[in-house]
Amino acid sequence: MKNTEKYQRGYYMPPVKCMKWAEKEYVDHAPAWCSVDLRDGNQALIIPMSLDEKLEFFTKLVEVGFKEIEIGFPAASETEYEFCRTLIEKNMIPDDVTIQVLTQSREHIIKKTFEAIDGAKNAVVHLYNSTSVAQREQVFKKSKEEIIDIAVTGAKLCNEYKKNANGNIVFEYSPESFTGTEPEFARDICNAVIDIWQPTPDNKVIINLPVTVEMSMPHVYAQQVEYMCDVLHNRENLIISLHPHNDRGCAVADCEMGLLAGADRIEGTCFGNGERTGNADIVTIAMNMYTHGVDPKLDFSDLPSLVELYERVTRMKVYERTPYSGALVFAAFSGSHQDAIAKGMNWRKEKNLVQWTCPYLPIDPKDVGREYEGDVIRINSQSGKGGIGYIMETRFGIDMPPKMRESFGYEVKGVSDHAHKELMPDEIRDIFYNTYVNREDKIKVKEAHFVQGDGITANVTIEYKGETLTKEGKGNGRLDAVSNAVKEALGFDYSLITYKEHALEVTSKSKAMCYVGIQTDKGVFWGAGIHTDIIDASVSALMSAINNSDLVD
């Protein structure tokens, strides 16, 4: 990158120090939210949404809890106008929801805008004109006074048309390209509009400070916002709104710091869709508040359904790593991460904790409609015994001994590595069953009869290499007696080192699962058995371990 001399900062710092926002720790209450998915988001699509798609999206935004929704620029096209009229005429706008429409400061456009919202119970008329140095000099070729006159003329026209309008109408003004505007000029033009509209406690005015193009680090924007909050006329009757775009990837931070600086309202889109690099992602901003224990006043408890609708009607994709809403944001493939998450989950269960403190997971995935299995613990060749064991236990009720989990982990990782793919839970279960459960392919105990005396005597019938053998064995328990009979019958040399059993409740409460580990001079080998009878299950586990060992060929 050799052309840095081409670039210089395009923003302007306030004329005074504005740093009160930096003394605050976090955003402690929800702002007013305005979704601009149906206007700003829609105009950024390669294929704009159809009327039916817009209506479906509008209904979903209401369901999520948005009380203000910008629905379009009704004077710009018949499609936009028709959408506005459909919402009103079909009575689709709840009484507590306000629609917002955009207009330039031109009389025929303002007139058409008021016609579009006729009959709406609550509406925001959003007036804007560009104010930045670049726009004034290059596009409009007008002086500061002429640019202010455009805004004042539009404000006066809005007042005139409001006189004959029905419903509750709130005005909003945006000095578009605010971030490239001198703060003193932004102050002057906004105050000129405020003086025309004369806001009151019962009829407040929205002053929107858009990051039309992101030009600075977020702390600079915070100072610009704080400055405006300090110098605007009639501040107590204003609603200061933010509308950041994401050219530098800082739109969420712009919003958060702007709220600390005194803003009251956020305009953005679900998942950040918008012109160029997009708008502020309201899902991320709201969920960031949620992680601090602040109610965002929006319900994202079923994010997967919102993602599905958004992707379908916009034909855009939510990136897999998008905070909170991406398909992989909770997914842990790393063995150490999986182990920590599994232990954290168990810790919460053991301690009956309410507070969320699970390693690697900033929020409980269930709070946004996701599941631990499949969404959090994901298995591939990078995974470890902790995550694999967690899936087997929580999904299938299979709780292996720790050392067996380690051995099984290598089995699963080997399959994933060879296939070069992620393994689904059912595939992992199948590997376990095929590798360990009720193995009778080389050696099999056909029958075992027990006699209680000085210890346990087992009379065992064994099939091995086409022969049937019968042998007695004694032990301190039934499994030990069977094991000793097998050793004597076939001359095997091994030690029983691990035994564990539990009810297999997930599959059937009537079945038992047993695990056996045996030690030979070549290592440890594992087996599992499932049966309605606990003794039969334990014998099957022993035979599975032997069938997995170097003792048989």
Protein backbone atom coordinates (compact mmCIF):
# COMPACT_ATOMS: atom_id res chain seq x y z
CA MET A 1 0.00 0.00 0.00
CA LYS A 2 2.05 2.92 -1.30
CA ASN A 3 -0.61 5.58 -1.86
CA THR A 4 -1.29 6.66 1.70
CA GLU A 5 -0.60 10.27 0.70
CA LYS A 6 -3.91 10.14 -1.21
CA TYR A 7 -5.82 10.01 2.05
CA GLN A 8 -6.43 12.35 4.93
CA ARG A 9 -9.00 12.38 7.66
CA GLY A 10 -12.41 13.40 6.35
CA TYR A 11 -13.98 14.06 9.73
CA TYR A 12 -14.02 17.05 12.05
CA MET A 13 -13.51 17.08 15.79
CA PRO A 14 -15.82 19.19 17.96
CA PRO A 15 -14.41 22.62 18.86
CA VAL A 16 -14.47 21.72 22.57
CA LYS A 17 -13.53 18.63 24.56
CA CYS A 18 -16.45 16.18 24.71
CA MET A 19 -15.40 13.21 26.82
CA LYS A 20 -18.11 12.72 29.46
CA TRP A 21 -19.17 9.55 27.66
CA ALA A 22 -15.78 7.94 28.43
CA GLU A 23 -16.55 7.97 32.17
CA LYS A 24 -19.45 5.54 31.69
CA GLU A 25 -18.93 1.78 31.87
CA TYR A 26 -21.73 0.30 29.77
CA VAL A 27 -25.09 1.05 28.17
CA ASP A 28 -27.49 0.59 31.08
CA HIS A 29 -30.85 0.79 29.33
CA ALA A 30 -32.33 0.02 25.94
CA PRO A 31 -32.65 2.82 23.40
CA ALA A 32 -35.63 3.30 21.15
CA TRP A 33 -35.05 0.95 18.22
CA CYS A 34 -35.99 1.68 14.63
CA SER A 35 -35.58 -1.08 12.06
CA VAL A 36 -34.64 0.21 8.62
CA ASP A 37 -34.57 -3.27 7.05
CA LEU A 38 -37.48 -2.44 4.76
CA ARG A 39 -35.97 0.81 3.46
CA ASP A 40 -32.22 1.09 3.83
CA GLY A 41 -31.83 -2.68 3.93
CA ASN A 42 -34.14 -3.25 0.98
CA GLN A 43 -32.49 -0.67 -1.28
CA ALA A 44 -29.15 -2.46 -0.72
CA LEU A 45 -30.43 -5.76 -2.14
CA ILE A 46 -29.51 -7.02 -5.60
CA ILE A 47 -33.14 -8.11 -5.97
CA PRO A 48 -35.38 -5.91 -3.78
CA MET A 49 -38.09 -7.65 -1.80
CA SER A 50 -41.51 -8.16 -3.32
CA LEU A 51 -44.62 -6.72 -1.68
CA ASP A 52 -45.48 -10.06 -0.06
CA GLU A 53 -41.92 -10.49 1.20
CA LYS A 54 -41.97 -7.00 2.70
CA LEU A 55 -45.27 -7.69 4.42
CA GLU A 56 -43.93 -10.93 5.89
CA PHE A 57 -40.76 -9.22 7.09
CA PHE A 58 -42.77 -6.36 8.60
CA THR A 59 -44.90 -8.84 10.54
CA LYS A 60 -41.75 -10.54 11.87
CA LEU A 61 -40.22 -7.23 12.94
CA VAL A 62 -43.38 -6.46 14.90
CA GLU A 63 -43.24 -9.92 16.49
CA VAL A 64 -39.63 -9.32 17.56
CA GLY A 65 -40.74 -6.13 19.32
CA PHE A 66 -39.78 -3.21 17.08
CA LYS A 67 -42.00 -0.22 17.85
CA GLU A 68 -40.63 1.92 15.03
CA ILE A 69 -40.11 0.54 11.52
CA GLU A 70 -38.94 2.57 8.54
CA ILE A 71 -40.94 1.14 5.67
CA GLY A 72 -39.57 3.03 2.71
CA PHE A 73 -39.34 6.13 0.57
CA PRO A 74 -42.95 6.17 -0.70
CA ALA A 75 -42.43 9.02 -3.16
CA ALA A 76 -39.52 7.22 -4.81
CA SER A 77 -41.53 4.51 -6.58
CA GLU A 78 -45.00 3.01 -6.90
CA THR A 79 -43.75 -0.19 -5.21
CA GLU A 80 -42.73 1.78 -2.12
CA TYR A 81 -45.98 3.73 -2.16
CA GLU A 82 -48.07 0.57 -2.55
CA PHE A 83 -46.32 -1.10 0.39
CA CYS A 84 -47.12 1.84 2.65
CA ARG A 85 -50.75 1.95 1.55
CA THR A 86 -51.16 -1.83 1.94
CA LEU A 87 -49.98 -1.73 5.54
CA ILE A 88 -52.40 1.07 6.35
CA GLU A 89 -55.43 -0.10 4.38
CA LYS A 90 -55.15 -3.70 5.57
CA ASN A 91 -54.80 -2.50 9.15
CA MET A 92 -51.51 -4.38 9.59
CA ILE A 93 -49.86 -1.79 11.85
CA PRO A 94 -50.50 -2.36 15.58
CA ASP A 95 -51.54 0.69 17.56
CA ASP A 96 -48.25 0.74 19.47
CA VAL A 97 -46.09 0.58 16.31
CA THR A 98 -44.99 3.65 14.36
CA ILE A 99 -44.12 3.51 10.69
CA GLN A 100 -41.38 5.78 9.38
CA VAL A 101 -41.09 7.17 5.86
CA LEU A 102 -38.19 9.03 4.25
CA THR A 103 -38.43 12.21 2.20
CA GLN A 104 -36.11 14.68 0.56
CA SER A 105 -36.63 18.40 1.06
CA ARG A 106 -38.64 18.90 -2.13
CA GLU A 107 -42.30 19.89 -2.12
CA HIS A 108 -43.69 17.33 -4.54
CA ILE A 109 -41.89 14.56 -2.65
CA ILE A 110 -43.12 15.81 0.74
CA LYS A 111 -46.67 16.06 -0.65
CA LYS A 112 -46.54 12.48 -1.97
CA THR A 113 -45.13 11.30 1.37
CA PHE A 114 -48.03 12.73 3.35
CA GLU A 115 -50.48 11.18 0.89
CA ALA A 116 -48.79 7.81 1.43
CA ILE A 117 -49.20 7.90 5.23
CA ASP A 118 -52.79 9.16 5.19
CA GLY A 119 -54.74 7.06 7.69
CA ALA A 120 -51.73 5.87 9.68
CA LYS A 121 -52.28 6.20 13.43
CA ASN A 122 -48.60 6.83 14.15
CA ALA A 123 -45.95 7.90 11.65
CA VAL A 124 -42.50 9.49 11.55
CA VAL A 125 -41.78 11.74 8.58
CA HIS A 126 -38.02 11.64 8.13
CA LEU A 127 -36.63 14.68 6.32
CA TYR A 128 -32.99 14.79 5.20
CA ASN A 129 -30.47 16.66 3.12
CA SER A 130 -26.72 16.27 2.72
CA THR A 131 -24.49 18.60 4.72
CA SER A 132 -20.88 17.38 4.42
CA VAL A 133 -18.11 19.44 2.86
CA ALA A 134 -17.75 16.92 0.03
CA GLN A 135 -21.46 16.95 -0.76
CA ARG A 136 -21.74 20.75 -0.56
CA GLU A 137 -18.75 21.35 -2.80
CA GLN A 138 -18.93 18.47 -5.27
CA VAL A 139 -22.59 17.48 -5.58
CA PHE A 140 -24.76 20.48 -4.75
CA LYS A 141 -22.19 23.25 -5.30
CA LYS A 142 -23.97 25.35 -2.68
CA SER A 143 -22.90 27.48 0.25
CA LYS A 144 -23.65 26.67 3.87
CA GLU A 145 -26.48 29.19 3.85
CA GLU A 146 -28.04 27.59 0.78
CA ILE A 147 -27.82 24.12 2.34
CA ILE A 148 -29.51 25.41 5.50
CA ASP A 149 -32.23 26.96 3.34
CA ILE A 150 -32.95 23.54 1.80
CA ALA A 151 -33.47 22.05 5.27
CA VAL A 152 -35.56 24.98 6.54
CA THR A 153 -37.76 24.97 3.45
CA GLY A 154 -38.44 21.27 3.91
CA ALA A 155 -39.17 21.72 7.61
CA LYS A 156 -41.69 24.47 6.86
CA LEU A 157 -43.38 22.35 4.19
CA CYS A 158 -43.68 19.47 6.66
CA ASN A 159 -45.40 21.82 9.10
CA GLU A 160 -47.85 22.90 6.41
CA TYR A 161 -48.77 19.41 5.29
CA LYS A 162 -49.09 18.21 8.87
CA LYS A 163 -51.89 20.71 9.50
CA ASN A 164 -54.25 18.70 7.31
CA ALA A 165 -52.95 15.25 8.21
CA ASN A 166 -54.62 12.71 10.45
CA GLY A 167 -52.92 10.66 13.11
CA ASN A 168 -49.93 11.26 15.34
CA ILE A 169 -47.05 12.50 13.18
CA VAL A 170 -43.52 12.96 14.52
CA PHE A 171 -40.82 14.74 12.57
CA GLU A 172 -37.25 13.54 12.13
CA TYR A 173 -34.38 15.42 10.57
CA SER A 174 -31.04 13.99 9.38
CA PRO A 175 -28.04 16.08 8.33
CA GLU A 176 -27.02 13.34 5.93
CA SER A 177 -23.24 12.71 5.79
CA PHE A 178 -23.05 14.09 9.34
CA THR A 179 -19.63 12.49 9.93
CA GLY A 180 -18.10 14.57 7.11
CA THR A 181 -19.76 17.76 8.32
CA GLU A 182 -18.13 20.39 10.52
CA PRO A 183 -19.77 19.98 13.97
CA GLU A 184 -20.53 23.71 14.17
CA PHE A 185 -22.35 23.58 10.84
CA ALA A 186 -24.24 20.44 11.85
CA ARG A 187 -25.26 22.33 14.98
CA ASP A 188 -26.47 25.34 13.00
CA ILE A 189 -28.52 23.42 10.45
CA CYS A 190 -30.15 21.15 13.04
CA ASN A 191 -30.99 24.13 15.26
CA ALA A 192 -32.54 25.93 12.28
CA VAL A 193 -34.83 22.93 11.70
CA ILE A 194 -35.59 22.57 15.43
CA ASP A 195 -36.59 26.24 15.59
CA ILE A 196 -39.07 25.68 12.77
CA TRP A 197 -40.60 22.53 14.28
CA GLN A 198 -40.69 23.82 17.89
CA PRO A 199 -40.76 20.47 19.73
CA THR A 200 -42.64 20.10 23.00
CA PRO A 201 -42.77 17.37 25.68
CA ASP A 202 -45.85 15.93 23.94
CA ASN A 203 -44.54 16.41 20.41
CA LYS A 204 -40.83 15.68 20.42
CA VAL A 205 -38.57 15.88 17.37
CA ILE A 206 -36.03 13.26 16.33
CA ILE A 207 -32.61 14.56 15.32
CA ASN A 208 -30.76 11.75 13.59
CA LEU A 209 -26.95 11.89 13.33
CA PRO A 210 -26.06 9.41 10.60
CA VAL A 211 -22.68 7.84 10.01
CA THR A 212 -23.50 7.94 6.32
CA VAL A 213 -19.87 7.09 5.63
CA GLU A 214 -17.74 5.85 8.52
CA MET A 215 -14.68 8.09 8.62
CA SER A 216 -13.26 7.83 12.12
CA MET A 217 -12.67 5.61 15.09
CA PRO A 218 -15.78 5.21 17.25
CA HIS A 219 -14.53 7.48 20.05
CA VAL A 220 -14.48 10.41 17.61
CA TYR A 221 -18.12 9.80 16.70
CA ALA A 222 -18.97 9.65 20.41
CA GLN A 223 -17.44 13.12 20.86
CA GLN A 224 -19.40 14.43 17.88
CA VAL A 225 -22.64 13.03 19.33
CA GLU A 226 -21.92 14.41 22.81
CA TYR A 227 -21.20 17.82 21.30
CA MET A 228 -24.52 17.84 19.47
CA CYS A 229 -26.37 16.78 22.61
CA ASP A 230 -24.81 19.75 24.40
CA VAL A 231 -25.47 22.46 21.79
CA LEU A 232 -28.83 21.65 20.21
CA HIS A 233 -31.78 23.86 21.06
CA ASN A 234 -34.58 22.48 23.20
CA ARG A 235 -32.59 19.32 24.04
CA GLU A 236 -35.12 18.07 26.57
CA ASN A 237 -37.70 17.77 23.81
CA LEU A 238 -35.41 16.07 21.32
CA ILE A 239 -34.78 12.40 20.64
CA ILE A 240 -31.17 12.02 19.49
CA SER A 241 -30.95 9.15 17.02
CA LEU A 242 -27.96 7.32 15.50
CA HIS A 243 -27.75 5.67 12.09
CA PRO A 244 -24.23 4.26 11.59
CA HIS A 245 -23.02 2.56 8.45
CA ASN A 246 -20.18 0.07 8.66
CA ASP A 247 -17.49 1.23 6.24
CA ARG A 248 -14.73 0.76 8.84
CA GLY A 249 -16.37 -2.22 10.53
CA CYS A 250 -17.21 -0.15 13.62
CA ALA A 251 -20.97 0.44 13.32
CA VAL A 252 -21.81 -1.53 16.47
CA ALA A 253 -19.11 0.32 18.44
CA ASP A 254 -20.34 3.64 17.01
CA CYS A 255 -23.81 2.88 18.37
CA GLU A 256 -22.59 1.76 21.78
CA MET A 257 -20.31 4.75 22.26
CA GLY A 258 -22.94 7.08 20.80
CA LEU A 259 -25.44 5.86 23.37
CA LEU A 260 -22.90 6.53 26.12
CA ALA A 261 -22.56 10.03 24.64
CA GLY A 262 -26.25 10.78 25.15
CA ALA A 263 -28.15 9.34 22.19
CA ASP A 264 -31.65 7.96 22.76
CA ARG A 265 -32.38 5.94 19.65
CA ILE A 266 -30.76 3.57 17.15
CA GLU A 267 -31.64 3.05 13.50
CA GLY A 268 -30.22 -0.16 12.04
CA THR A 269 -31.00 -3.48 10.45
CA CYS A 270 -31.19 -7.07 11.56
CA PHE A 271 -27.81 -8.65 10.77
CA GLY A 272 -26.38 -5.36 9.45
CA ASN A 273 -27.59 -5.43 5.84
CA GLY A 274 -27.30 -2.06 4.14
CA GLU A 275 -25.54 0.00 1.51
CA ARG A 276 -21.87 -0.85 0.86
CA THR A 277 -20.56 -2.61 3.98
CA GLY A 278 -23.94 -2.37 5.67
CA ASN A 279 -25.70 -0.77 8.61
CA ALA A 280 -25.39 -1.25 12.33
CA ASP A 281 -26.45 -4.77 13.31
CA ILE A 282 -29.27 -4.30 15.81
CA VAL A 283 -29.18 -7.98 16.82
CA THR A 284 -25.57 -7.62 17.93
CA ILE A 285 -26.11 -4.32 19.75
CA ALA A 286 -29.18 -5.63 21.57
CA MET A 287 -27.55 -8.93 22.53
CA ASN A 288 -24.43 -7.12 23.74
CA MET A 289 -26.71 -5.31 26.20
CA TYR A 290 -28.29 -8.61 27.16
CA THR A 291 -24.89 -10.05 28.12
CA HIS A 292 -24.58 -7.21 30.66
CA GLY A 293 -27.96 -8.02 32.18
CA VAL A 294 -29.78 -5.18 30.39
CA ASP A 295 -33.18 -5.94 28.84
CA PRO A 296 -32.89 -4.77 25.21
CA LYS A 297 -36.70 -4.70 24.82
CA LEU A 298 -36.40 -6.86 21.70
CA ASP A 299 -37.11 -10.58 21.67
CA PHE A 300 -34.42 -12.58 19.90
CA SER A 301 -35.22 -15.83 21.71
CA ASP A 302 -35.78 -17.55 18.35
CA LEU A 303 -32.94 -16.21 16.23
CA PRO A 304 -32.93 -19.23 13.88
CA SER A 305 -36.44 -18.38 12.64
CA LEU A 306 -35.46 -14.74 12.09
CA VAL A 307 -32.34 -15.83 10.20
CA GLU A 308 -34.41 -18.20 8.06
CA LEU A 309 -36.91 -15.49 7.09
CA TYR A 310 -34.21 -12.90 6.47
CA GLU A 311 -32.19 -15.18 4.20
CA ARG A 312 -35.28 -16.25 2.30
CA VAL A 313 -36.76 -12.80 1.58
CA THR A 314 -33.50 -10.88 1.07
CA ARG A 315 -31.55 -13.65 -0.66
CA MET A 316 -28.62 -12.60 1.53
CA LYS A 317 -26.72 -14.85 3.93
CA VAL A 318 -25.98 -14.40 7.61
CA TYR A 319 -22.25 -15.09 7.82
CA GLU A 320 -21.55 -18.19 9.92
CA ARG A 321 -19.42 -16.19 12.38
CA THR A 322 -21.79 -13.23 12.78
CA PRO A 323 -22.08 -12.60 16.54
CA TYR A 324 -25.04 -14.36 18.18
CA SER A 325 -26.87 -15.21 14.94
CA GLY A 326 -24.29 -17.03 12.81
CA ALA A 327 -24.56 -20.80 12.43
CA LEU A 328 -21.14 -21.42 13.99
CA VAL A 329 -20.87 -18.72 16.67
CA PHE A 330 -21.35 -21.18 19.52
CA ALA A 331 -19.60 -24.07 17.81
CA ALA A 332 -16.50 -25.44 19.50
CA PHE A 333 -14.37 -27.87 17.47
CA SER A 334 -11.22 -27.54 19.58
CA GLY A 335 -10.77 -30.32 22.10
CA SER A 336 -9.67 -27.98 24.91
CA HIS A 337 -12.64 -25.67 24.28
CA GLN A 338 -15.07 -28.58 24.23
CA ASP A 339 -13.66 -29.96 27.45
CA ALA A 340 -13.98 -26.60 29.20
CA ILE A 341 -17.54 -26.10 27.96
CA ALA A 342 -18.58 -29.60 29.03
CA LYS A 343 -17.08 -29.08 32.47
CA GLY A 344 -18.71 -25.67 32.72
CA MET A 345 -22.11 -27.15 31.89
CA ASN A 346 -21.66 -29.83 34.51
CA TRP A 347 -20.52 -27.21 37.04
CA ARG A 348 -23.71 -25.22 36.48
CA LYS A 349 -25.81 -28.34 36.89
CA GLU A 350 -24.02 -29.46 40.07
CA LYS A 351 -24.16 -26.00 41.67
CA ASN A 352 -27.67 -25.21 40.40
CA LEU A 353 -26.37 -21.84 39.20
CA VAL A 354 -28.51 -19.04 37.79
CA GLN A 355 -25.62 -16.77 36.80
CA TRP A 356 -24.12 -17.61 33.41
CA THR A 357 -20.36 -18.13 33.61
CA CYS A 358 -19.69 -20.98 31.18
CA PRO A 359 -16.20 -20.91 29.60
CA TYR A 360 -16.08 -19.81 25.94
CA LEU A 361 -19.82 -19.04 25.76
CA PRO A 362 -20.72 -15.38 26.42
CA ILE A 363 -24.43 -16.23 26.59
CA ASP A 364 -26.53 -19.35 27.03
CA PRO A 365 -27.22 -20.54 23.45
CA LYS A 366 -30.71 -21.60 24.52
CA ASP A 367 -31.58 -17.93 25.11
CA VAL A 368 -31.48 -17.35 21.34
CA GLY A 369 -33.09 -20.62 20.33
CA ARG A 370 -29.97 -22.74 19.89
CA GLU A 371 -29.10 -26.13 21.39
CA TYR A 372 -25.97 -27.33 23.16
CA GLU A 373 -25.74 -30.51 21.12
CA GLY A 374 -25.15 -29.78 17.46
CA ASP A 375 -24.84 -26.01 17.90
CA VAL A 376 -22.14 -25.84 20.59
CA ILE A 377 -20.15 -29.09 20.65
CA ARG A 378 -19.24 -29.84 17.02
CA ILE A 379 -17.03 -32.82 16.17
CA ASN A 380 -14.23 -33.02 13.63
CA SER A 381 -10.58 -34.09 13.60
CA GLN A 382 -9.68 -31.23 15.97
CA SER A 383 -12.11 -32.35 18.68
CA GLY A 384 -11.28 -34.03 21.96
CA LYS A 385 -12.65 -36.54 24.40
CA GLY A 386 -14.49 -33.90 26.42
CA GLY A 387 -16.74 -32.73 23.61
CA ILE A 388 -17.27 -36.20 22.18
CA GLY A 389 -18.10 -37.58 25.61
CA TYR A 390 -20.46 -34.67 26.25
CA ILE A 391 -22.43 -35.36 23.08
CA MET A 392 -22.61 -39.09 23.84
CA GLU A 393 -23.84 -38.42 27.37
CA THR A 394 -26.31 -35.59 26.74
CA ARG A 395 -27.65 -36.82 23.40
CA PHE A 396 -27.63 -40.58 23.87
CA GLY A 397 -27.24 -41.21 27.59
CA ILE A 398 -23.89 -42.98 27.13
CA ASP A 399 -21.58 -42.06 30.02
CA MET A 400 -18.24 -43.80 29.36
CA PRO A 401 -15.43 -44.10 31.91
CA PRO A 402 -12.90 -41.26 31.45
CA LYS A 403 -10.19 -43.45 29.90
CA MET A 404 -12.67 -45.00 27.52
CA ARG A 405 -13.73 -41.51 26.44
CA GLU A 406 -10.12 -40.82 25.53
CA SER A 407 -9.86 -44.03 23.48
CA PHE A 408 -13.18 -43.36 21.76
CA GLY A 409 -12.09 -39.79 21.05
CA TYR A 410 -9.18 -41.08 18.98
CA GLU A 411 -11.53 -43.43 17.11
CA VAL A 412 -13.87 -40.56 16.20
CA LYS A 413 -11.08 -38.17 15.27
CA GLY A 414 -9.57 -40.85 13.04
CA VAL A 415 -12.84 -41.30 11.15
CA SER A 416 -13.29 -37.53 10.79
CA ASP A 417 -9.71 -37.02 9.66
CA HIS A 418 -9.93 -39.81 7.08
CA ALA A 419 -13.30 -38.60 5.75
CA HIS A 420 -12.15 -34.96 5.99
CA LYS A 421 -15.48 -33.80 7.35
CA GLU A 422 -17.45 -32.88 10.44
CA LEU A 423 -19.32 -35.77 12.06
CA MET A 424 -22.94 -35.48 13.10
CA PRO A 425 -24.11 -36.86 16.50
CA ASP A 426 -25.79 -39.90 14.93
CA GLU A 427 -22.59 -40.74 13.07
CA ILE A 428 -20.63 -40.55 16.32
CA ARG A 429 -23.13 -42.83 18.02
CA ASP A 430 -22.84 -45.32 15.16
CA ILE A 431 -19.04 -45.36 15.51
CA PHE A 432 -19.44 -46.15 19.21
CA TYR A 433 -21.90 -48.99 18.62
CA ASN A 434 -19.92 -50.48 15.77
CA THR A 435 -16.66 -50.30 17.70
CA TYR A 436 -17.66 -51.32 21.20
CA VAL A 437 -21.18 -52.60 21.73
CA ASN A 438 -22.13 -56.30 21.96
CA ARG A 439 -19.21 -57.47 19.82
CA GLU A 440 -19.45 -61.21 19.07
CA ASP A 441 -17.54 -61.42 15.81
CA LYS A 442 -14.59 -63.54 17.11
CA ILE A 443 -15.46 -64.88 20.55
CA LYS A 444 -18.87 -65.32 22.14
CA VAL A 445 -20.27 -66.47 25.48
CA LYS A 446 -23.37 -68.51 24.58
CA GLU A 447 -24.43 -69.29 28.15
CA ALA A 448 -23.37 -68.57 31.71
CA HIS A 449 -24.87 -70.21 34.81
CA PHE A 450 -23.95 -69.09 38.31
CA VAL A 451 -23.76 -70.77 41.68
CA GLN A 452 -23.45 -68.78 44.91
CA GLY A 453 -21.07 -70.34 47.44
CA ASP A 454 -17.64 -69.37 48.63
CA GLY A 455 -17.63 -66.61 46.06
CA ILE A 456 -19.29 -67.11 42.67
CA THR A 457 -18.84 -70.11 40.35
CA ALA A 458 -19.73 -69.62 36.70
CA ASN A 459 -20.32 -72.45 34.23
CA VAL A 460 -19.61 -70.80 30.89
CA THR A 461 -20.15 -72.02 27.31
CA ILE A 462 -17.86 -70.29 24.82
CA GLU A 463 -17.74 -70.24 21.02
CA TYR A 464 -14.34 -69.50 19.51
CA LYS A 465 -12.90 -70.33 16.08
CA GLY A 466 -15.74 -72.70 15.28
CA GLU A 467 -15.42 -74.65 18.52
CA THR A 468 -17.69 -74.75 21.54
CA LEU A 469 -15.99 -74.95 24.93
CA THR A 470 -17.42 -75.25 28.42
CA LYS A 471 -15.46 -74.15 31.46
CA GLU A 472 -15.99 -73.29 35.11
CA GLY A 473 -14.50 -70.21 36.67
CA LYS A 474 -14.56 -68.78 40.13
CA GLY A 475 -14.46 -65.13 41.17
CA ASN A 476 -15.58 -62.55 43.67
CA GLY A 477 -18.48 -61.62 41.42
CA ARG A 478 -20.34 -62.88 38.35
CA LEU A 479 -18.29 -60.90 35.82
CA ASP A 480 -15.02 -61.91 37.51
CA ALA A 481 -16.12 -65.59 37.46
CA VAL A 482 -16.97 -65.44 33.73
CA SER A 483 -13.68 -63.69 33.00
CA ASN A 484 -11.69 -66.37 34.84
CA ALA A 485 -13.56 -69.12 32.97
CA VAL A 486 -12.66 -67.53 29.63
CA LYS A 487 -9.03 -67.18 30.64
CA GLU A 488 -8.77 -70.83 31.69
CA ALA A 489 -10.62 -72.11 28.61
CA LEU A 490 -8.52 -70.19 26.09
CA GLY A 491 -5.29 -69.43 27.95
CA PHE A 492 -5.78 -65.67 27.69
CA ASP A 493 -3.70 -63.38 29.88
CA TYR A 494 -5.33 -60.07 30.77
CA SER A 495 -6.58 -58.06 33.74
CA LEU A 496 -9.98 -56.51 34.32
CA ILE A 497 -9.12 -52.87 35.08
CA THR A 498 -12.38 -50.96 34.70
CA TYR A 499 -16.04 -51.72 35.12
CA LYS A 500 -18.92 -49.26 35.02
CA GLU A 501 -22.66 -49.62 34.59
CA HIS A 502 -25.72 -47.37 34.38
CA ALA A 503 -29.28 -47.39 33.13
CA LEU A 504 -29.57 -46.36 29.50
CA GLU A 505 -32.50 -44.04 30.05
CA VAL A 506 -32.39 -42.21 26.73
CA THR A 507 -33.00 -45.38 24.70
CA SER A 508 -35.10 -47.38 27.13
CA LYS A 509 -35.37 -47.32 30.91
CA SER A 510 -35.44 -51.12 30.94
CA LYS A 511 -31.94 -51.46 29.44
CA ALA A 512 -28.55 -51.34 31.14
CA MET A 513 -25.25 -50.15 29.69
CA CYS A 514 -21.99 -51.67 30.95
CA TYR A 515 -18.41 -50.74 30.13
CA VAL A 516 -15.36 -52.99 30.59
CA GLY A 517 -11.68 -52.27 30.12
CA ILE A 518 -9.04 -55.02 29.99
CA GLN A 519 -5.27 -54.71 30.18
CA THR A 520 -2.97 -56.93 28.13
CA ASP A 521 0.77 -56.61 27.56
CA LYS A 522 -0.11 -54.64 24.40
CA GLY A 523 -2.34 -52.02 26.05
CA VAL A 524 -5.90 -51.31 27.24
CA PHE A 525 -8.92 -52.44 25.22
CA TRP A 526 -12.54 -51.42 25.70
CA GLY A 527 -15.96 -52.92 25.23
CA ALA A 528 -19.59 -52.09 26.03
CA GLY A 529 -22.68 -54.17 26.46
CA ILE A 530 -26.38 -53.37 26.34
CA HIS A 531 -29.06 -55.73 27.63
CA THR A 532 -32.18 -55.75 29.73
CA ASP A 533 -30.29 -57.94 32.23
CA ILE A 534 -27.34 -56.25 33.93
CA ILE A 535 -25.31 -59.52 34.09
CA ASP A 536 -25.81 -60.21 30.39
CA ALA A 537 -24.85 -56.59 29.64
CA SER A 538 -21.63 -56.89 31.67
CA VAL A 539 -20.67 -60.20 29.99
CA SER A 540 -21.32 -58.64 26.56
CA ALA A 541 -19.08 -55.72 27.52
CA LEU A 542 -16.30 -58.12 28.53
CA MET A 543 -16.60 -60.08 25.28
CA SER A 544 -16.58 -56.82 23.29
CA ALA A 545 -13.37 -55.75 25.00
CA ILE A 546 -11.74 -59.13 24.27
CA ASN A 547 -12.93 -58.97 20.64
CA ASN A 548 -11.29 -55.54 20.37
CA SER A 549 -8.02 -56.77 21.88
CA ASP A 550 -4.86 -58.40 20.60
CA LEU A 551 -5.89 -61.66 22.32
CA VAL A 552 -8.02 -62.83 19.39
CA ASP A 553 -7.25 -62.97 15.71
